[in-house]
Amino acid sequence: MKKIITAMAAVIFALALTACTAVQVNERIFVALMGIEEDDGIYYLTVQAFNSTEVSQDEPVPEYAVYSGTGRSFNEAADMIMRDSGRELFWGHCGVIFADEDIIRDAEKLKAFAGERISVGCPVIYSENPAAETDRRDENDELIGADVIISSLDRYAAEGLYRETTLRDVISSENVITLPLSDKGISGTAVITGSGGTILLDLSETAAFDLLMGEKGVCMSVIGGSVCTEISDKNVYLKQDNTSGQYEITLTADLVLEETGSAAELAEYKTEAEKIISASAEAICQKAYDSGFLSAIFPREYSFSDGMDIVTFSVTTNVNIKM
């Protein structure tokens, strides 16, 4: 009986202790977006969070608020925000991380984010100004909320111009990291190579890159019309001698005509789409080879061409139009 009473007392004490130390909702900052950069050992952290601060009825509560802090580490910058606000940061709802090159190149720094209970499935987007991404303003200098920013990613994804890269993807990448590039909106792709290079692709280059990577529903304009396409089959053959090589690539693309243009016959859209896809694929392959990220497009055995002075790409595309 004494043992039962002792056990019950321990449970009651634990519950009481938990209740005393629990953090109330209005004592937390629920992070929705995060911008993080590092410069000469100083971390600059900006978060956009749902504002749970209680105010009077005459003073409306903004849906989101922005908080910033600096420090010699991510945790120190976060502590600065908590000291200034008097509230605890809660990371479980973080929907997007905007990060600069110094952060993305260091897997240990990214692992620290995961250690703060940020989901490893959280999307990571490259930006040269993460703070501005998190604190976006409209023409009236009103804060653009996280829900608007995140929903805009869905729109880019529907157009085949946004390929989600998660915290898990960046941490586990060994050679080439490809991330969406943002400048107050998705503006292309950032390719960060293990050799120290960072290559920025515009939206048209991103469309070609995404096609070769197997992205579905990439939108294109063909003869004034709108089409959505994806590569259903890709074959690569490398012909080489002692000093030169040529990649011969055959693509099979499925195309859906979303909106007609100036052409009257489907055959015209097919022919023009084949030309556009082949030309854009050749261009992005050449850029990938010259810049050192061809391994992101082709299987590893095809992506290294040591000893070849001249490397060219020839792409043949066969389009199947679906109604």
C-alpha atoms as a PDB file:
ATOM      1  CA  MET A   1       0.000   0.000   0.000  1.00  0.00           C
ATOM      2  CA  LYS A   2       2.838   2.328   0.883  1.00  0.00           C
ATOM      3  CA  LYS A   3       4.441   1.696  -2.527  1.00  0.00           C
ATOM      4  CA  ILE A   4       1.173   2.558  -4.297  1.00  0.00           C
ATOM      5  CA  ILE A   5       0.813   5.809  -2.350  1.00  0.00           C
ATOM      6  CA  THR A   6       4.451   6.719  -3.124  1.00  0.00           C
ATOM      7  CA  ALA A   7       3.967   6.042  -6.851  1.00  0.00           C
ATOM      8  CA  MET A   8       0.773   8.103  -6.928  1.00  0.00           C
ATOM      9  CA  ALA A   9       2.559  10.975  -5.192  1.00  0.00           C
ATOM     10  CA  ALA A  10       5.354  10.838  -7.782  1.00  0.00           C
ATOM     11  CA  VAL A  11       2.856  11.003 -10.639  1.00  0.00           C
ATOM     12  CA  ILE A  12       0.989  13.931  -9.075  1.00  0.00           C
ATOM     13  CA  PHE A  13       4.276  15.777  -8.484  1.00  0.00           C
ATOM     14  CA  ALA A  14       5.364  15.201 -12.127  1.00  0.00           C
ATOM     15  CA  LEU A  15       2.044  16.487 -13.432  1.00  0.00           C
ATOM     16  CA  ALA A  16       2.234  19.537 -11.218  1.00  0.00           C
ATOM     17  CA  LEU A  17       5.792  20.232 -12.349  1.00  0.00           C
ATOM     18  CA  THR A  18       4.768  19.918 -16.007  1.00  0.00           C
ATOM     19  CA  ALA A  19       1.875  22.304 -15.529  1.00  0.00           C
ATOM     20  CA  CYS A  20       4.159  24.837 -13.845  1.00  0.00           C
ATOM     21  CA  THR A  21       6.780  24.748 -16.581  1.00  0.00           C
ATOM     22  CA  ALA A  22       4.451  24.522 -19.603  1.00  0.00           C
ATOM     23  CA  VAL A  23       4.806  27.357 -22.128  1.00  0.00           C
ATOM     24  CA  GLN A  24       1.509  29.082 -22.870  1.00  0.00           C
ATOM     25  CA  VAL A  25       0.431  29.872 -26.443  1.00  0.00           C
ATOM     26  CA  ASN A  26       0.829  33.623 -25.999  1.00  0.00           C
ATOM     27  CA  GLU A  27       4.386  33.039 -24.721  1.00  0.00           C
ATOM     28  CA  ARG A  28       5.509  31.432 -27.977  1.00  0.00           C
ATOM     29  CA  ILE A  29       6.561  32.692 -31.397  1.00  0.00           C
ATOM     30  CA  PHE A  30       5.237  30.195 -33.973  1.00  0.00           C
ATOM     31  CA  VAL A  31       7.758  30.449 -36.836  1.00  0.00           C
ATOM     32  CA  ALA A  32       6.268  30.200 -40.347  1.00  0.00           C
ATOM     33  CA  LEU A  33       9.246  31.381 -42.433  1.00  0.00           C
ATOM     34  CA  MET A  34      12.937  31.650 -41.655  1.00  0.00           C
ATOM     35  CA  GLY A  35      15.717  33.632 -43.326  1.00  0.00           C
ATOM     36  CA  ILE A  36      19.266  32.769 -42.259  1.00  0.00           C
ATOM     37  CA  GLU A  37      22.638  33.980 -43.497  1.00  0.00           C
ATOM     38  CA  GLU A  38      26.184  33.994 -42.219  1.00  0.00           C
ATOM     39  CA  ASP A  39      28.917  36.577 -42.801  1.00  0.00           C
ATOM     40  CA  ASP A  40      32.372  36.430 -41.221  1.00  0.00           C
ATOM     41  CA  GLY A  41      31.135  34.207 -38.423  1.00  0.00           C
ATOM     42  CA  ILE A  42      28.075  36.302 -37.586  1.00  0.00           C
ATOM     43  CA  TYR A  43      24.628  34.764 -38.093  1.00  0.00           C
ATOM     44  CA  TYR A  44      21.705  36.935 -39.140  1.00  0.00           C
ATOM     45  CA  LEU A  45      18.354  35.303 -38.389  1.00  0.00           C
ATOM     46  CA  THR A  46      14.977  36.698 -39.451  1.00  0.00           C
ATOM     47  CA  VAL A  47      11.706  34.876 -38.798  1.00  0.00           C
ATOM     48  CA  GLN A  48       8.153  35.596 -39.850  1.00  0.00           C
ATOM     49  CA  ALA A  49       5.726  34.190 -37.329  1.00  0.00           C
ATOM     50  CA  PHE A  50       2.064  34.038 -36.536  1.00  0.00           C
ATOM     51  CA  ASN A  51       1.420  36.870 -34.115  1.00  0.00           C
ATOM     52  CA  SER A  52      -0.267  35.527 -30.960  1.00  0.00           C
ATOM     53  CA  THR A  53       0.293  38.660 -28.876  1.00  0.00           C
ATOM     54  CA  GLU A  54      -2.851  39.818 -27.103  1.00  0.00           C
ATOM     55  CA  VAL A  55      -3.782  43.502 -27.595  1.00  0.00           C
ATOM     56  CA  SER A  56      -6.839  45.639 -26.922  1.00  0.00           C
ATOM     57  CA  GLN A  57      -9.952  45.412 -29.095  1.00  0.00           C
ATOM     58  CA  ASP A  58      -9.229  48.858 -30.528  1.00  0.00           C
ATOM     59  CA  GLU A  59      -5.827  47.735 -31.805  1.00  0.00           C
ATOM     60  CA  PRO A  60      -6.044  45.041 -34.527  1.00  0.00           C
ATOM     61  CA  VAL A  61      -3.632  42.139 -34.368  1.00  0.00           C
ATOM     62  CA  PRO A  62      -1.533  41.679 -37.538  1.00  0.00           C
ATOM     63  CA  GLU A  63      -1.696  38.100 -38.728  1.00  0.00           C
ATOM     64  CA  TYR A  64       2.099  37.847 -38.986  1.00  0.00           C
ATOM     65  CA  ALA A  65       5.023  39.681 -37.443  1.00  0.00           C
ATOM     66  CA  VAL A  66       8.783  39.703 -38.158  1.00  0.00           C
ATOM     67  CA  TYR A  67      11.560  39.242 -35.584  1.00  0.00           C
ATOM     68  CA  SER A  68      15.332  39.483 -36.115  1.00  0.00           C
ATOM     69  CA  GLY A  69      18.425  38.574 -34.148  1.00  0.00           C
ATOM     70  CA  THR A  70      22.176  38.222 -34.650  1.00  0.00           C
ATOM     71  CA  GLY A  71      24.807  36.140 -32.942  1.00  0.00           C
ATOM     72  CA  ARG A  72      27.943  34.044 -33.314  1.00  0.00           C
ATOM     73  CA  SER A  73      25.811  30.958 -33.902  1.00  0.00           C
ATOM     74  CA  PHE A  74      22.298  30.086 -35.001  1.00  0.00           C
ATOM     75  CA  ASN A  75      21.289  29.384 -31.419  1.00  0.00           C
ATOM     76  CA  GLU A  76      22.721  32.686 -30.187  1.00  0.00           C
ATOM     77  CA  ALA A  77      20.800  34.604 -32.874  1.00  0.00           C
ATOM     78  CA  ALA A  78      17.619  32.748 -31.889  1.00  0.00           C
ATOM     79  CA  ASP A  79      18.274  33.520 -28.207  1.00  0.00           C
ATOM     80  CA  MET A  80      18.532  37.213 -29.095  1.00  0.00           C
ATOM     81  CA  ILE A  81      15.031  37.095 -30.608  1.00  0.00           C
ATOM     82  CA  MET A  82      13.679  35.342 -27.520  1.00  0.00           C
ATOM     83  CA  ARG A  83      15.302  37.853 -25.148  1.00  0.00           C
ATOM     84  CA  ASP A  84      14.023  40.845 -27.122  1.00  0.00           C
ATOM     85  CA  SER A  85      10.479  39.470 -27.469  1.00  0.00           C
ATOM     86  CA  GLY A  86      10.200  37.765 -24.099  1.00  0.00           C
ATOM     87  CA  ARG A  87       8.761  34.703 -25.818  1.00  0.00           C
ATOM     88  CA  GLU A  88       9.980  31.250 -26.838  1.00  0.00           C
ATOM     89  CA  LEU A  89      10.568  30.320 -30.494  1.00  0.00           C
ATOM     90  CA  PHE A  90       8.570  27.323 -31.700  1.00  0.00           C
ATOM     91  CA  TRP A  91       9.897  25.833 -34.970  1.00  0.00           C
ATOM     92  CA  GLY A  92       7.455  23.003 -35.604  1.00  0.00           C
ATOM     93  CA  HIS A  93       5.382  24.989 -38.133  1.00  0.00           C
ATOM     94  CA  CYS A  94       8.288  26.424 -40.150  1.00  0.00           C
ATOM     95  CA  GLY A  95       7.182  26.167 -43.799  1.00  0.00           C
ATOM     96  CA  VAL A  96      10.228  27.473 -45.707  1.00  0.00           C
ATOM     97  CA  ILE A  97      13.884  28.209 -44.988  1.00  0.00           C
ATOM     98  CA  PHE A  98      15.567  30.941 -47.062  1.00  0.00           C
ATOM     99  CA  ALA A  99      19.353  30.572 -46.793  1.00  0.00           C
ATOM    100  CA  ASP A 100      22.469  32.014 -48.378  1.00  0.00           C
ATOM    101  CA  GLU A 101      25.403  30.101 -49.847  1.00  0.00           C
ATOM    102  CA  ASP A 102      27.499  30.023 -46.656  1.00  0.00           C
ATOM    103  CA  ILE A 103      24.698  28.278 -44.770  1.00  0.00           C
ATOM    104  CA  ILE A 104      23.790  25.851 -47.567  1.00  0.00           C
ATOM    105  CA  ARG A 105      27.387  24.737 -48.071  1.00  0.00           C
ATOM    106  CA  ASP A 106      27.762  23.687 -44.440  1.00  0.00           C
ATOM    107  CA  ALA A 107      25.780  20.543 -43.661  1.00  0.00           C
ATOM    108  CA  GLU A 108      26.599  20.847 -39.947  1.00  0.00           C
ATOM    109  CA  LYS A 109      24.864  24.229 -39.777  1.00  0.00           C
ATOM    110  CA  LEU A 110      21.816  22.764 -41.484  1.00  0.00           C
ATOM    111  CA  LYS A 111      21.779  19.806 -39.122  1.00  0.00           C
ATOM    112  CA  ALA A 112      21.557  22.312 -36.264  1.00  0.00           C
ATOM    113  CA  PHE A 113      18.238  23.502 -37.694  1.00  0.00           C
ATOM    114  CA  ALA A 114      16.900  19.958 -37.666  1.00  0.00           C
ATOM    115  CA  GLY A 115      18.091  19.736 -34.073  1.00  0.00           C
ATOM    116  CA  GLU A 116      15.786  22.653 -33.287  1.00  0.00           C
ATOM    117  CA  ARG A 117      12.788  20.503 -34.309  1.00  0.00           C
ATOM    118  CA  ILE A 118      12.500  21.979 -37.770  1.00  0.00           C
ATOM    119  CA  SER A 119      11.175  19.193 -39.989  1.00  0.00           C
ATOM    120  CA  VAL A 120      13.786  17.674 -42.306  1.00  0.00           C
ATOM    121  CA  GLY A 121      11.037  17.866 -44.945  1.00  0.00           C
ATOM    122  CA  CYS A 122      11.006  21.679 -44.743  1.00  0.00           C
ATOM    123  CA  PRO A 123      11.752  23.258 -48.165  1.00  0.00           C
ATOM    124  CA  VAL A 124      15.044  25.180 -48.491  1.00  0.00           C
ATOM    125  CA  ILE A 125      15.322  28.048 -50.995  1.00  0.00           C
ATOM    126  CA  TYR A 126      18.521  29.836 -51.996  1.00  0.00           C
ATOM    127  CA  SER A 127      18.536  33.607 -51.648  1.00  0.00           C
ATOM    128  CA  GLU A 128      21.261  36.231 -51.570  1.00  0.00           C
ATOM    129  CA  ASN A 129      19.105  38.255 -49.166  1.00  0.00           C
ATOM    130  CA  PRO A 130      17.201  35.872 -46.866  1.00  0.00           C
ATOM    131  CA  ALA A 131      16.062  38.640 -44.504  1.00  0.00           C
ATOM    132  CA  ALA A 132      14.272  40.475 -47.331  1.00  0.00           C
ATOM    133  CA  GLU A 133      12.561  37.249 -48.398  1.00  0.00           C
ATOM    134  CA  THR A 134      11.143  36.745 -44.924  1.00  0.00           C
ATOM    135  CA  ASP A 135      10.148  40.389 -44.527  1.00  0.00           C
ATOM    136  CA  ARG A 136       8.506  40.980 -47.915  1.00  0.00           C
ATOM    137  CA  ARG A 137       6.366  44.085 -48.308  1.00  0.00           C
ATOM    138  CA  ASP A 138       3.715  45.086 -50.833  1.00  0.00           C
ATOM    139  CA  GLU A 139       3.304  48.484 -52.517  1.00  0.00           C
ATOM    140  CA  ASN A 140       1.687  49.809 -49.337  1.00  0.00           C
ATOM    141  CA  ASP A 141       4.604  48.606 -47.191  1.00  0.00           C
ATOM    142  CA  GLU A 142       2.334  45.961 -45.661  1.00  0.00           C
ATOM    143  CA  LEU A 143       3.939  42.665 -44.680  1.00  0.00           C
ATOM    144  CA  ILE A 144       3.208  39.845 -47.124  1.00  0.00           C
ATOM    145  CA  GLY A 145       2.161  36.875 -45.026  1.00  0.00           C
ATOM    146  CA  ALA A 146       3.730  33.436 -45.029  1.00  0.00           C
ATOM    147  CA  ASP A 147       0.518  31.895 -46.369  1.00  0.00           C
ATOM    148  CA  VAL A 148       0.759  34.038 -49.524  1.00  0.00           C
ATOM    149  CA  ILE A 149       4.444  33.241 -50.025  1.00  0.00           C
ATOM    150  CA  ILE A 150       3.953  29.508 -49.540  1.00  0.00           C
ATOM    151  CA  SER A 151       0.903  29.395 -51.837  1.00  0.00           C
ATOM    152  CA  SER A 152       2.931  31.132 -54.551  1.00  0.00           C
ATOM    153  CA  LEU A 153       5.290  28.149 -54.480  1.00  0.00           C
ATOM    154  CA  ASP A 154       2.340  25.942 -55.434  1.00  0.00           C
ATOM    155  CA  ARG A 155       1.760  28.160 -58.470  1.00  0.00           C
ATOM    156  CA  TYR A 156       5.389  27.864 -59.581  1.00  0.00           C
ATOM    157  CA  ALA A 157       5.240  24.113 -58.998  1.00  0.00           C
ATOM    158  CA  ALA A 158       2.127  23.877 -61.204  1.00  0.00           C
ATOM    159  CA  GLU A 159       4.111  25.564 -63.983  1.00  0.00           C
ATOM    160  CA  GLY A 160       7.012  23.134 -63.593  1.00  0.00           C
ATOM    161  CA  LEU A 161       9.373  25.900 -62.450  1.00  0.00           C
ATOM    162  CA  TYR A 162       9.707  24.895 -58.792  1.00  0.00           C
ATOM    163  CA  ARG A 163      11.364  21.663 -57.747  1.00  0.00           C
ATOM    164  CA  GLU A 164      11.187  21.316 -53.979  1.00  0.00           C
ATOM    165  CA  THR A 165      14.502  20.795 -52.219  1.00  0.00           C
ATOM    166  CA  THR A 166      14.142  19.877 -48.556  1.00  0.00           C
ATOM    167  CA  LEU A 167      16.422  20.230 -45.562  1.00  0.00           C
ATOM    168  CA  ARG A 168      16.991  16.474 -45.790  1.00  0.00           C
ATOM    169  CA  ASP A 169      18.038  16.783 -49.467  1.00  0.00           C
ATOM    170  CA  VAL A 170      20.574  19.524 -48.762  1.00  0.00           C
ATOM    171  CA  ILE A 171      22.112  17.773 -45.757  1.00  0.00           C
ATOM    172  CA  SER A 172      22.527  14.455 -47.619  1.00  0.00           C
ATOM    173  CA  SER A 173      23.781  15.894 -50.937  1.00  0.00           C
ATOM    174  CA  GLU A 174      27.400  15.000 -51.687  1.00  0.00           C
ATOM    175  CA  ASN A 175      28.363  16.584 -55.013  1.00  0.00           C
ATOM    176  CA  VAL A 176      25.792  18.990 -56.440  1.00  0.00           C
ATOM    177  CA  ILE A 177      22.968  20.785 -54.629  1.00  0.00           C
ATOM    178  CA  THR A 178      20.162  22.243 -56.742  1.00  0.00           C
ATOM    179  CA  LEU A 179      17.739  24.611 -55.040  1.00  0.00           C
ATOM    180  CA  PRO A 180      15.009  26.998 -56.104  1.00  0.00           C
ATOM    181  CA  LEU A 181      16.397  30.522 -56.466  1.00  0.00           C
ATOM    182  CA  SER A 182      14.319  33.377 -55.096  1.00  0.00           C
ATOM    183  CA  ASP A 183      14.487  37.116 -55.458  1.00  0.00           C
ATOM    184  CA  LYS A 184      11.179  38.099 -53.845  1.00  0.00           C
ATOM    185  CA  GLY A 185       9.625  35.229 -55.788  1.00  0.00           C
ATOM    186  CA  ILE A 186      10.967  32.159 -57.566  1.00  0.00           C
ATOM    187  CA  SER A 187      13.294  33.459 -60.263  1.00  0.00           C
ATOM    188  CA  GLY A 188      15.164  30.331 -61.296  1.00  0.00           C
ATOM    189  CA  THR A 189      17.485  27.699 -59.846  1.00  0.00           C
ATOM    190  CA  ALA A 190      20.733  27.871 -57.886  1.00  0.00           C
ATOM    191  CA  VAL A 191      23.229  25.082 -58.487  1.00  0.00           C
ATOM    192  CA  ILE A 192      25.926  24.756 -55.826  1.00  0.00           C
ATOM    193  CA  THR A 193      28.797  22.420 -56.724  1.00  0.00           C
ATOM    194  CA  GLY A 194      31.186  20.625 -54.446  1.00  0.00           C
ATOM    195  CA  SER A 195      34.122  22.340 -56.160  1.00  0.00           C
ATOM    196  CA  GLY A 196      33.057  25.734 -54.839  1.00  0.00           C
ATOM    197  CA  GLY A 197      31.002  27.094 -57.731  1.00  0.00           C
ATOM    198  CA  THR A 198      27.523  28.593 -57.588  1.00  0.00           C
ATOM    199  CA  ILE A 199      25.627  28.806 -60.875  1.00  0.00           C
ATOM    200  CA  LEU A 200      22.358  30.712 -61.194  1.00  0.00           C
ATOM    201  CA  LEU A 201      19.842  29.586 -63.833  1.00  0.00           C
ATOM    202  CA  ASP A 202      17.041  31.850 -65.026  1.00  0.00           C
ATOM    203  CA  LEU A 203      13.470  30.620 -65.422  1.00  0.00           C
ATOM    204  CA  SER A 204      13.871  29.519 -69.057  1.00  0.00           C
ATOM    205  CA  GLU A 205      17.036  27.574 -68.181  1.00  0.00           C
ATOM    206  CA  THR A 206      15.234  26.126 -65.178  1.00  0.00           C
ATOM    207  CA  ALA A 207      12.431  24.876 -67.434  1.00  0.00           C
ATOM    208  CA  ALA A 208      14.962  23.009 -69.611  1.00  0.00           C
ATOM    209  CA  PHE A 209      16.804  21.726 -66.543  1.00  0.00           C
ATOM    210  CA  ASP A 210      13.564  20.496 -64.956  1.00  0.00           C
ATOM    211  CA  LEU A 211      12.546  18.718 -68.166  1.00  0.00           C
ATOM    212  CA  LEU A 212      15.806  16.765 -68.201  1.00  0.00           C
ATOM    213  CA  MET A 213      15.391  16.018 -64.489  1.00  0.00           C
ATOM    214  CA  GLY A 214      11.988  14.455 -65.196  1.00  0.00           C
ATOM    215  CA  GLU A 215       9.781  17.191 -63.776  1.00  0.00           C
ATOM    216  CA  LYS A 216       6.133  16.876 -64.809  1.00  0.00           C
ATOM    217  CA  GLY A 217       3.937  19.589 -66.271  1.00  0.00           C
ATOM    218  CA  VAL A 218       6.634  22.047 -67.382  1.00  0.00           C
ATOM    219  CA  CYS A 219       4.806  24.893 -69.130  1.00  0.00           C
ATOM    220  CA  MET A 220       6.037  26.287 -72.446  1.00  0.00           C
ATOM    221  CA  SER A 221       4.841  28.705 -75.098  1.00  0.00           C
ATOM    222  CA  VAL A 222       4.687  27.206 -78.581  1.00  0.00           C
ATOM    223  CA  ILE A 223       3.475  29.205 -81.602  1.00  0.00           C
ATOM    224  CA  GLY A 224       1.557  31.518 -79.304  1.00  0.00           C
ATOM    225  CA  GLY A 225      -0.134  28.623 -77.547  1.00  0.00           C
ATOM    226  CA  SER A 226       0.422  27.142 -74.093  1.00  0.00           C
ATOM    227  CA  VAL A 227       1.611  23.562 -73.622  1.00  0.00           C
ATOM    228  CA  CYS A 228       2.558  21.384 -70.653  1.00  0.00           C
ATOM    229  CA  THR A 229       5.195  18.754 -71.246  1.00  0.00           C
ATOM    230  CA  GLU A 230       7.305  16.123 -69.533  1.00  0.00           C
ATOM    231  CA  ILE A 231      10.045  13.736 -70.594  1.00  0.00           C
ATOM    232  CA  SER A 232       8.791  10.151 -70.558  1.00  0.00           C
ATOM    233  CA  ASP A 233      12.059   8.598 -71.807  1.00  0.00           C
ATOM    234  CA  LYS A 234      15.693   9.752 -71.974  1.00  0.00           C
ATOM    235  CA  ASN A 235      18.588   7.888 -73.584  1.00  0.00           C
ATOM    236  CA  VAL A 236      22.201   9.070 -73.453  1.00  0.00           C
ATOM    237  CA  TYR A 237      25.051   7.829 -75.637  1.00  0.00           C
ATOM    238  CA  LEU A 238      28.598   9.228 -75.427  1.00  0.00           C
ATOM    239  CA  LYS A 239      30.786   9.036 -78.538  1.00  0.00           C
ATOM    240  CA  GLN A 240      34.404   9.952 -77.851  1.00  0.00           C
ATOM    241  CA  ASP A 241      37.931   9.733 -79.136  1.00  0.00           C
ATOM    242  CA  ASN A 242      41.187  10.875 -77.563  1.00  0.00           C
ATOM    243  CA  THR A 243      40.437  14.598 -77.519  1.00  0.00           C
ATOM    244  CA  SER A 244      36.730  15.122 -78.109  1.00  0.00           C
ATOM    245  CA  GLY A 245      33.339  13.711 -77.318  1.00  0.00           C
ATOM    246  CA  GLN A 246      29.711  14.143 -78.249  1.00  0.00           C
ATOM    247  CA  TYR A 247      26.710  13.325 -76.129  1.00  0.00           C
ATOM    248  CA  GLU A 248      23.890  12.062 -78.318  1.00  0.00           C
ATOM    249  CA  ILE A 249      20.650  12.353 -76.364  1.00  0.00           C
ATOM    250  CA  THR A 250      17.238  11.115 -77.436  1.00  0.00           C
ATOM    251  CA  LEU A 251      14.213  12.448 -75.597  1.00  0.00           C
ATOM    252  CA  THR A 252      10.611  11.320 -75.767  1.00  0.00           C
ATOM    253  CA  ALA A 253       8.260  14.038 -74.548  1.00  0.00           C
ATOM    254  CA  ASP A 254       4.557  13.881 -73.784  1.00  0.00           C
ATOM    255  CA  LEU A 255       2.867  17.189 -74.518  1.00  0.00           C
ATOM    256  CA  VAL A 256      -0.600  18.475 -73.651  1.00  0.00           C
ATOM    257  CA  LEU A 257      -1.872  21.448 -75.637  1.00  0.00           C
ATOM    258  CA  GLU A 258      -3.490  23.651 -72.968  1.00  0.00           C
ATOM    259  CA  GLU A 259      -4.274  26.639 -75.177  1.00  0.00           C
ATOM    260  CA  THR A 260      -4.115  26.931 -78.970  1.00  0.00           C
ATOM    261  CA  GLY A 261      -2.086  29.622 -80.655  1.00  0.00           C
ATOM    262  CA  SER A 262      -1.685  30.778 -84.235  1.00  0.00           C
ATOM    263  CA  ALA A 263      -1.154  27.321 -85.750  1.00  0.00           C
ATOM    264  CA  ALA A 264      -4.099  25.442 -87.244  1.00  0.00           C
ATOM    265  CA  GLU A 265      -2.612  21.932 -87.231  1.00  0.00           C
ATOM    266  CA  LEU A 266      -1.358  19.835 -84.334  1.00  0.00           C
ATOM    267  CA  ALA A 267       1.615  18.809 -86.457  1.00  0.00           C
ATOM    268  CA  GLU A 268       2.868  22.407 -86.340  1.00  0.00           C
ATOM    269  CA  TYR A 269       2.874  22.411 -82.540  1.00  0.00           C
ATOM    270  CA  LYS A 270       4.655  19.049 -82.534  1.00  0.00           C
ATOM    271  CA  THR A 271       7.414  20.217 -84.893  1.00  0.00           C
ATOM    272  CA  GLU A 272       7.968  23.506 -83.092  1.00  0.00           C
ATOM    273  CA  ALA A 273       7.924  21.885 -79.640  1.00  0.00           C
ATOM    274  CA  GLU A 274      10.553  19.363 -80.744  1.00  0.00           C
ATOM    275  CA  LYS A 275      12.800  22.209 -81.928  1.00  0.00           C
ATOM    276  CA  ILE A 276      12.370  24.209 -78.723  1.00  0.00           C
ATOM    277  CA  ILE A 277      12.967  21.260 -76.396  1.00  0.00           C
ATOM    278  CA  SER A 278      16.020  20.051 -78.326  1.00  0.00           C
ATOM    279  CA  ALA A 279      17.614  23.501 -78.487  1.00  0.00           C
ATOM    280  CA  SER A 280      16.982  24.311 -74.816  1.00  0.00           C
ATOM    281  CA  ALA A 281      18.185  20.861 -73.702  1.00  0.00           C
ATOM    282  CA  GLU A 282      21.411  21.219 -75.709  1.00  0.00           C
ATOM    283  CA  ALA A 283      22.027  24.665 -74.206  1.00  0.00           C
ATOM    284  CA  ILE A 284      21.471  23.620 -70.596  1.00  0.00           C
ATOM    285  CA  CYS A 285      23.583  20.469 -71.036  1.00  0.00           C
ATOM    286  CA  GLN A 286      26.459  22.537 -72.406  1.00  0.00           C
ATOM    287  CA  LYS A 287      26.167  24.986 -69.500  1.00  0.00           C
ATOM    288  CA  ALA A 288      26.001  22.099 -67.042  1.00  0.00           C
ATOM    289  CA  TYR A 289      29.159  20.579 -68.516  1.00  0.00           C
ATOM    290  CA  ASP A 290      31.068  23.882 -68.585  1.00  0.00           C
ATOM    291  CA  SER A 291      29.989  24.749 -65.033  1.00  0.00           C
ATOM    292  CA  GLY A 292      30.480  21.333 -63.459  1.00  0.00           C
ATOM    293  CA  PHE A 293      26.973  20.172 -62.652  1.00  0.00           C
ATOM    294  CA  LEU A 294      26.322  17.683 -65.461  1.00  0.00           C
ATOM    295  CA  SER A 295      26.132  14.919 -62.837  1.00  0.00           C
ATOM    296  CA  ALA A 296      22.849  16.458 -61.678  1.00  0.00           C
ATOM    297  CA  ILE A 297      21.325  15.747 -65.104  1.00  0.00           C
ATOM    298  CA  PHE A 298      22.926  12.515 -66.291  1.00  0.00           C
ATOM    299  CA  PRO A 299      23.796   9.272 -64.519  1.00  0.00           C
ATOM    300  CA  ARG A 300      27.218   9.550 -62.901  1.00  0.00           C
ATOM    301  CA  GLU A 301      28.914   7.313 -65.451  1.00  0.00           C
ATOM    302  CA  TYR A 302      28.007   9.773 -68.216  1.00  0.00           C
ATOM    303  CA  SER A 303      28.842  12.983 -66.402  1.00  0.00           C
ATOM    304  CA  PHE A 304      32.646  12.879 -66.376  1.00  0.00           C
ATOM    305  CA  SER A 305      34.686  13.430 -69.517  1.00  0.00           C
ATOM    306  CA  ASP A 306      38.307  13.613 -68.396  1.00  0.00           C
ATOM    307  CA  GLY A 307      40.873  14.269 -71.109  1.00  0.00           C
ATOM    308  CA  MET A 308      38.428  15.576 -73.714  1.00  0.00           C
ATOM    309  CA  ASP A 309      39.214  19.062 -75.041  1.00  0.00           C
ATOM    310  CA  ILE A 310      35.927  19.480 -76.906  1.00  0.00           C
ATOM    311  CA  VAL A 311      32.549  18.236 -75.684  1.00  0.00           C
ATOM    312  CA  THR A 312      29.302  18.860 -77.569  1.00  0.00           C
ATOM    313  CA  PHE A 313      25.676  17.864 -77.149  1.00  0.00           C
ATOM    314  CA  SER A 314      23.186  16.768 -79.771  1.00  0.00           C
ATOM    315  CA  VAL A 315      19.554  16.314 -78.683  1.00  0.00           C
ATOM    316  CA  THR A 316      16.782  14.690 -80.719  1.00  0.00           C
ATOM    317  CA  THR A 317      13.255  15.066 -79.346  1.00  0.00           C
ATOM    318  CA  ASN A 318      10.188  13.077 -80.317  1.00  0.00           C
ATOM    319  CA  VAL A 319       6.927  14.653 -79.085  1.00  0.00           C
ATOM    320  CA  ASN A 320       3.692  12.795 -78.457  1.00  0.00           C
ATOM    321  CA  ILE A 321       0.737  15.192 -78.334  1.00  0.00           C
ATOM    322  CA  LYS A 322      -2.019  14.242 -75.929  1.00  0.00           C
ATOM    323  CA  MET A 323      -5.440  15.840 -75.968  1.00  0.00           C
END
